[in-house]
Amino acid sequence: MSASPRIGVLGAGGRMGRTLIQAVQQAGYQLAAAVERPESSLVGSDAGELAGIGHIGVKVAGSLADVLTDC
């Protein structure tokens, strides 16, 4: 059996980004990263809370480079 895909969402704070975060969770996949503009006030917030689905332990990053260093 293969591992569940790890998915990242860029523009996590926008309407589509929030919807994608919800869809990833509902599908049972792992949200590996959520990214927003570096100057966004949303950086550091929990992606699940941002999407209205509760705390999921994935913090919104301010750049893709920040996320890739954790891979």
Protein backbone atom coordinates (compact mmCIF):
# COMPACT_ATOMS: atom_id res chain seq x y z
CA MET A 1 0.00 0.00 0.00
CA SER A 2 1.39 3.42 -0.93
CA ALA A 3 1.70 6.33 1.46
CA SER A 4 -0.87 9.09 1.41
CA PRO A 5 0.16 12.06 -0.76
CA ARG A 6 1.56 15.10 1.03
CA ILE A 7 0.05 18.25 -0.41
CA GLY A 8 1.05 21.90 -0.18
CA VAL A 9 -1.25 24.86 -0.81
CA LEU A 10 0.14 28.15 -2.08
CA GLY A 11 -2.07 31.17 -1.47
CA ALA A 12 -3.52 29.43 1.57
CA GLY A 13 -5.23 32.57 2.85
CA GLY A 14 -7.32 33.17 -0.24
CA ARG A 15 -10.78 31.80 -0.94
CA MET A 16 -9.45 29.00 -3.17
CA GLY A 17 -6.59 28.20 -0.80
CA ARG A 18 -8.94 27.81 2.15
CA THR A 19 -11.23 25.62 0.07
CA LEU A 20 -8.28 23.46 -0.99
CA ILE A 21 -7.17 23.01 2.62
CA GLN A 22 -10.68 21.80 3.48
CA ALA A 23 -10.71 19.43 0.47
CA VAL A 24 -7.30 17.97 1.33
CA GLN A 25 -8.44 17.17 4.86
CA GLN A 26 -11.81 15.77 3.75
CA ALA A 27 -10.08 13.49 1.23
CA GLY A 28 -7.86 12.09 3.99
CA TYR A 29 -4.61 13.41 2.53
CA GLN A 30 -1.87 15.07 4.55
CA LEU A 31 -1.55 18.84 4.30
CA ALA A 32 2.23 19.20 4.34
CA ALA A 33 2.46 22.95 3.79
CA ALA A 34 0.45 26.14 3.53
CA VAL A 35 2.13 29.24 2.09
CA GLU A 36 1.18 32.92 1.96
CA ARG A 37 2.98 36.13 0.99
CA PRO A 38 5.82 36.97 3.39
CA GLU A 39 4.14 40.21 4.48
CA SER A 40 0.77 38.55 5.17
CA SER A 41 -0.59 38.78 8.71
CA LEU A 42 -1.64 35.13 8.30
CA VAL A 43 1.95 33.81 8.41
CA GLY A 44 2.37 31.68 11.52
CA SER A 45 -1.33 30.95 11.96
CA ASP A 46 -2.72 27.42 11.84
CA ALA A 47 -3.89 26.46 8.33
CA GLY A 48 -6.86 24.48 9.63
CA GLU A 49 -8.12 27.34 11.75
CA LEU A 50 -7.68 29.63 8.75
CA ALA A 51 -9.82 27.28 6.66
CA GLY A 52 -12.47 26.95 9.36
CA ILE A 53 -11.85 23.28 10.14
CA GLY A 54 -10.05 23.63 13.47
CA HIS A 55 -6.44 23.20 14.53
CA ILE A 56 -4.45 20.79 12.33
CA GLY A 57 -0.90 21.67 13.37
CA VAL A 58 0.27 23.08 10.03
CA LYS A 59 1.49 26.66 10.31
CA VAL A 60 1.21 29.04 7.37
CA ALA A 61 4.70 29.80 6.03
CA GLY A 62 5.82 33.06 4.46
CA SER A 63 7.70 31.53 1.54
CA LEU A 64 8.06 28.32 -0.38
CA ALA A 65 11.75 28.26 0.58
CA ASP A 66 10.76 28.02 4.26
CA VAL A 67 8.68 24.94 3.48
CA LEU A 68 11.27 23.23 1.30
CA THR A 69 13.92 23.36 4.03
CA ASP A 70 11.72 20.97 6.04
CA CYS A 71 11.46 18.37 3.24
